[in-house]
């Protein structure tokens, strides 16, 4: 089974006997999606060690999934914080940027999910729109309705001649939960999916063997999105086979 690294949250968590314990967390939906796609998930914590040398962990992996999470620190893409930009984690940001850049250098398969798409864009010199409603308004939300649902389902229209077209066809319905998005596109990226307002929903890096990122949360509906996970794990399997042969 290809070993798939998943980045992780750094949050206080409640466990038996203790509360507010500093913890490394990955929602089970990500792990289930990787298992069902035929991969073996490996949780990757944020660490200064990986900022200094991301290959310490990447050398043992066949693919990297950069999962969703908190807002990206604006100074990392040359902006001042918007009032709605909250709960940033610079150690996590810098760890994941180092991992992405090293994975690009290694041609290691990369899948970015929500925040992961945004970090891929920043890693390649792009910028972010810090609060989507400022530009696109709130009539077409990109987050769910609080207690009813954390996710808003909407259509994504897929661009021709992209890997995403091979995976999903011309369009797909996706669950979103975000208030930030790509603004200026990073160098070398192409847009592979948009919503009805033109907001960027997916990007790819054609110069890389397997680098795709989506603004939605495929793990929350991983049965429907299994073609994406199977594509990614299959590409990681090729990396695994190459390591065995060498």
Protein backbone atom coordinates (compact mmCIF):
# COMPACT_ATOMS: atom_id res chain seq x y z
CA UNK A 1 0.00 0.00 0.00
CA UNK A 2 1.42 3.42 -0.90
CA UNK A 3 2.29 5.48 2.18
CA UNK A 4 0.33 8.74 2.11
CA UNK A 5 1.40 11.54 4.43
CA UNK A 6 -1.34 13.78 5.77
CA UNK A 7 -0.57 17.11 7.38
CA UNK A 8 -2.38 17.84 10.61
CA UNK A 9 -4.03 20.32 12.94
CA UNK A 10 -2.33 21.54 16.14
CA UNK A 11 -5.19 22.04 18.57
CA UNK A 12 -6.08 21.49 22.23
CA UNK A 13 -8.19 18.33 22.56
CA UNK A 14 -10.13 16.58 25.29
CA UNK A 15 -9.09 13.03 26.09
CA UNK A 16 -10.12 10.84 29.05
CA UNK A 17 -9.09 12.44 32.36
CA UNK A 18 -7.56 15.54 30.71
CA UNK A 19 -8.89 18.54 28.78
CA UNK A 20 -7.14 21.13 26.63
CA UNK A 21 -4.28 18.78 25.80
CA UNK A 22 -2.04 20.05 22.98
CA UNK A 23 -2.65 17.50 20.24
CA UNK A 24 -1.94 16.51 16.65
CA UNK A 25 -5.28 15.87 14.94
CA UNK A 26 -6.45 14.53 11.56
CA UNK A 27 -10.21 13.97 11.08
CA UNK A 28 -11.11 10.34 10.43
CA UNK A 29 -12.75 11.24 7.12
CA UNK A 30 -9.30 11.87 5.58
CA UNK A 31 -7.95 8.58 6.91
CA UNK A 32 -11.00 6.64 5.72
CA UNK A 33 -10.72 8.14 2.24
CA UNK A 34 -7.05 7.15 1.95
CA UNK A 35 -7.71 3.62 3.23
CA UNK A 36 -10.62 3.08 0.83
CA UNK A 37 -8.52 4.36 -2.07
CA UNK A 38 -5.89 1.74 -1.30
CA UNK A 39 -3.36 3.84 0.59
CA UNK A 40 -1.81 3.69 4.04
CA UNK A 41 -2.16 7.05 5.86
CA UNK A 42 0.74 8.52 7.85
CA UNK A 43 0.07 11.56 10.06
CA UNK A 44 2.67 14.31 9.63
CA UNK A 45 2.92 16.79 12.55
CA UNK A 46 4.04 20.39 12.25
CA UNK A 47 7.64 20.70 13.37
CA UNK A 48 10.64 22.98 13.11
CA UNK A 49 12.56 19.81 12.21
CA UNK A 50 10.51 19.46 9.01
CA UNK A 51 10.87 23.16 8.20
CA UNK A 52 14.64 22.72 8.34
CA UNK A 53 14.65 19.41 6.46
CA UNK A 54 11.29 18.27 5.01
CA UNK A 55 12.96 15.26 3.41
CA UNK A 56 13.26 13.71 6.89
CA UNK A 57 9.62 12.66 6.44
CA UNK A 58 9.08 12.92 2.68
CA UNK A 59 11.74 10.31 1.92
CA UNK A 60 9.56 7.72 3.69
CA UNK A 61 6.35 8.69 1.83
CA UNK A 62 4.88 7.97 -1.60
CA UNK A 63 2.49 10.93 -1.62
CA UNK A 64 1.51 14.01 0.39
CA UNK A 65 -2.00 15.29 1.18
CA UNK A 66 -2.11 18.82 2.59
CA UNK A 67 -5.41 18.85 4.48
CA UNK A 68 -7.81 21.67 5.37
CA UNK A 69 -7.71 23.86 8.44
CA UNK A 70 -7.19 27.38 9.68
CA UNK A 71 -6.41 30.56 7.72
CA UNK A 72 -2.93 30.99 6.25
CA UNK A 73 -0.72 33.66 7.87
CA UNK A 74 -1.03 36.69 5.52
CA UNK A 75 2.56 37.87 5.91
CA UNK A 76 3.63 34.68 4.12
CA UNK A 77 2.12 36.10 0.93
CA UNK A 78 2.92 39.76 1.60
CA UNK A 79 -0.36 41.04 3.05
CA UNK A 80 -1.63 42.55 6.29
CA UNK A 81 -4.29 40.52 8.12
CA UNK A 82 -7.93 41.11 7.19
CA UNK A 83 -10.28 41.50 10.22
CA UNK A 84 -11.85 38.14 9.28
CA UNK A 85 -8.50 36.32 9.10
CA UNK A 86 -8.29 34.42 12.38
CA UNK A 87 -6.73 31.42 14.11
CA UNK A 88 -3.55 31.36 12.06
CA UNK A 89 -0.75 28.95 12.98
CA UNK A 90 2.59 30.05 11.55
CA UNK A 91 4.45 26.89 12.57
CA UNK A 92 1.92 24.78 10.68
CA UNK A 93 2.03 27.17 7.70
CA UNK A 94 5.80 27.10 7.46
CA UNK A 95 5.96 23.33 7.95
CA UNK A 96 3.47 22.69 5.18
CA UNK A 97 5.06 25.21 2.80
CA UNK A 98 8.42 23.48 3.29
CA UNK A 99 6.82 20.09 2.66
CA UNK A 100 5.05 21.31 -0.49
CA UNK A 101 8.17 22.89 -1.96
CA UNK A 102 10.29 19.82 -1.26
CA UNK A 103 7.59 17.51 -2.66
CA UNK A 104 7.51 19.61 -5.82
CA UNK A 105 11.29 19.30 -6.11
CA UNK A 106 11.07 15.52 -5.60
CA UNK A 107 8.12 15.08 -8.00
CA UNK A 108 6.30 13.45 -5.08
CA UNK A 109 2.52 13.26 -5.71
CA UNK A 110 0.66 16.12 -3.98
CA UNK A 111 -3.05 16.57 -3.25
CA UNK A 112 -4.10 19.88 -1.68
CA UNK A 113 -7.47 20.12 0.05
CA UNK A 114 -9.06 23.53 0.79
CA UNK A 115 -6.32 25.20 2.85
CA UNK A 116 -3.93 22.84 1.02
CA UNK A 117 -4.89 24.46 -2.29
CA UNK A 118 -4.24 27.89 -0.79
CA UNK A 119 -0.83 26.86 0.56
CA UNK A 120 0.19 25.34 -2.78
CA UNK A 121 -0.67 28.66 -4.39
CA UNK A 122 1.36 30.60 -1.79
CA UNK A 123 4.29 28.16 -2.15
CA UNK A 124 4.42 29.09 -5.85
CA UNK A 125 4.31 32.84 -5.26
CA UNK A 126 0.55 33.41 -5.47
CA UNK A 127 -1.70 35.39 -3.14
CA UNK A 128 -5.01 34.80 -1.40
CA UNK A 129 -8.31 36.60 -1.21
CA UNK A 130 -8.66 36.81 2.56
CA UNK A 131 -12.45 37.09 2.72
CA UNK A 132 -14.51 35.81 -0.21
CA UNK A 133 -17.68 37.83 0.60
CA UNK A 134 -15.73 41.07 0.06
CA UNK A 135 -15.56 40.28 -3.66
CA UNK A 136 -18.28 37.70 -4.34
CA UNK A 137 -20.92 38.69 -1.79
CA UNK A 138 -22.90 36.30 0.39
CA UNK A 139 -25.76 35.31 -1.93
CA UNK A 140 -23.75 32.27 -3.05
CA UNK A 141 -22.09 31.13 0.20
CA UNK A 142 -19.04 28.91 0.40
CA UNK A 143 -19.63 27.77 3.97
CA UNK A 144 -22.44 25.83 5.58
CA UNK A 145 -25.19 27.04 7.88
CA UNK A 146 -23.57 26.59 11.27
CA UNK A 147 -25.21 23.87 13.34
CA UNK A 148 -27.23 22.57 10.37
CA UNK A 149 -24.13 21.80 8.32
CA UNK A 150 -20.53 22.94 8.18
CA UNK A 151 -20.57 22.58 4.38
CA UNK A 152 -22.27 24.22 1.43
CA UNK A 153 -22.81 22.01 -1.62
CA UNK A 154 -22.43 23.59 -5.06
CA UNK A 155 -21.37 22.86 -8.63
CA UNK A 156 -17.83 23.01 -9.94
CA UNK A 157 -17.31 23.39 -13.66
CA UNK A 158 -14.22 21.55 -14.87
CA UNK A 159 -11.84 22.93 -17.49
CA UNK A 160 -11.09 20.97 -20.67
CA UNK A 161 -7.83 19.03 -21.07
CA UNK A 162 -7.09 18.82 -17.34
CA UNK A 163 -6.50 15.91 -14.98
CA UNK A 164 -9.65 16.97 -13.16
CA UNK A 165 -11.63 16.47 -16.37
CA UNK A 166 -10.27 12.92 -16.59
CA UNK A 167 -11.35 12.32 -12.99
CA UNK A 168 -14.80 13.95 -12.83
CA UNK A 169 -15.87 14.89 -16.32
CA UNK A 170 -17.35 18.32 -17.10
CA UNK A 171 -18.80 19.11 -13.66
CA UNK A 172 -19.26 17.80 -10.14
CA UNK A 173 -21.12 18.70 -6.93
CA UNK A 174 -18.82 19.46 -4.02
CA UNK A 175 -18.99 20.29 -0.27
CA UNK A 176 -17.23 23.57 0.57
CA UNK A 177 -16.35 25.30 3.83
CA UNK A 178 -14.04 28.27 3.37
CA UNK A 179 -13.96 32.05 3.43
CA UNK A 180 -10.58 32.46 1.70
CA UNK A 181 -9.58 31.57 -1.85
CA UNK A 182 -6.93 32.03 -4.53
CA UNK A 183 -6.47 35.60 -5.73
CA UNK A 184 -3.31 35.84 -7.88
CA UNK A 185 -2.42 32.43 -9.28
CA UNK A 186 0.96 30.94 -8.34
CA UNK A 187 3.64 30.48 -11.00
CA UNK A 188 3.18 27.34 -13.09
CA UNK A 189 -0.34 26.58 -11.87
CA UNK A 190 -3.35 26.32 -14.15
CA UNK A 191 -7.01 26.60 -13.22
CA UNK A 192 -8.84 23.30 -13.62
CA UNK A 193 -12.19 24.11 -11.97
CA UNK A 194 -14.37 27.14 -11.13
CA UNK A 195 -17.77 27.73 -9.57
CA UNK A 196 -20.62 29.63 -11.23
CA UNK A 197 -19.21 32.94 -9.99
CA UNK A 198 -15.77 32.25 -11.44
CA UNK A 199 -14.12 31.56 -8.07
CA UNK A 200 -11.15 29.20 -8.47
CA UNK A 201 -12.13 25.76 -7.17
CA UNK A 202 -9.26 23.60 -8.44
CA UNK A 203 -5.72 24.00 -9.77
CA UNK A 204 -3.03 21.77 -11.23
CA UNK A 205 0.71 22.02 -11.82
CA UNK A 206 1.24 20.50 -15.30
CA UNK A 207 5.04 20.45 -14.98
CA UNK A 208 4.69 17.99 -12.08
CA UNK A 209 3.72 14.32 -12.57
CA UNK A 210 0.87 14.54 -10.03
CA UNK A 211 0.01 17.82 -8.35
CA UNK A 212 -3.66 18.71 -8.01
CA UNK A 213 -5.50 20.80 -5.44
CA UNK A 214 -9.17 21.50 -4.77
CA UNK A 215 -10.88 24.23 -2.76
CA UNK A 216 -13.62 21.90 -1.52
CA UNK A 217 -13.53 19.05 1.04
CA UNK A 218 -13.62 15.74 -0.89
CA UNK A 219 -13.03 13.78 2.33
CA UNK A 220 -16.44 14.89 3.64
CA UNK A 221 -18.15 13.07 0.77
CA UNK A 222 -15.40 10.62 -0.05
CA UNK A 223 -17.67 8.05 -1.67
CA UNK A 224 -18.60 10.58 -4.38
CA UNK A 225 -15.05 11.91 -4.52
CA UNK A 226 -13.38 8.49 -4.49
CA UNK A 227 -12.20 8.90 -8.12
CA UNK A 228 -10.00 11.78 -6.93
CA UNK A 229 -8.51 9.79 -4.05
CA UNK A 230 -8.04 6.68 -6.22
CA UNK A 231 -6.27 8.74 -8.88
CA UNK A 232 -3.94 10.22 -6.28
CA UNK A 233 -3.18 6.93 -4.50
CA UNK A 234 -2.61 5.24 -7.86
CA UNK A 235 -0.03 7.90 -8.77
CA UNK A 236 1.58 7.48 -5.35
CA UNK A 237 1.72 3.75 -6.03
CA UNK A 238 3.87 4.45 -9.06
CA UNK A 239 6.25 6.36 -6.82
CA UNK A 240 6.28 3.44 -4.37
CA UNK A 241 7.08 0.98 -7.17
CA UNK A 242 9.92 3.17 -8.35
CA UNK A 243 11.43 3.23 -4.86
CA UNK A 244 11.23 -0.57 -4.64
CA UNK A 245 12.84 -1.01 -8.06
CA UNK A 246 15.67 1.38 -7.24
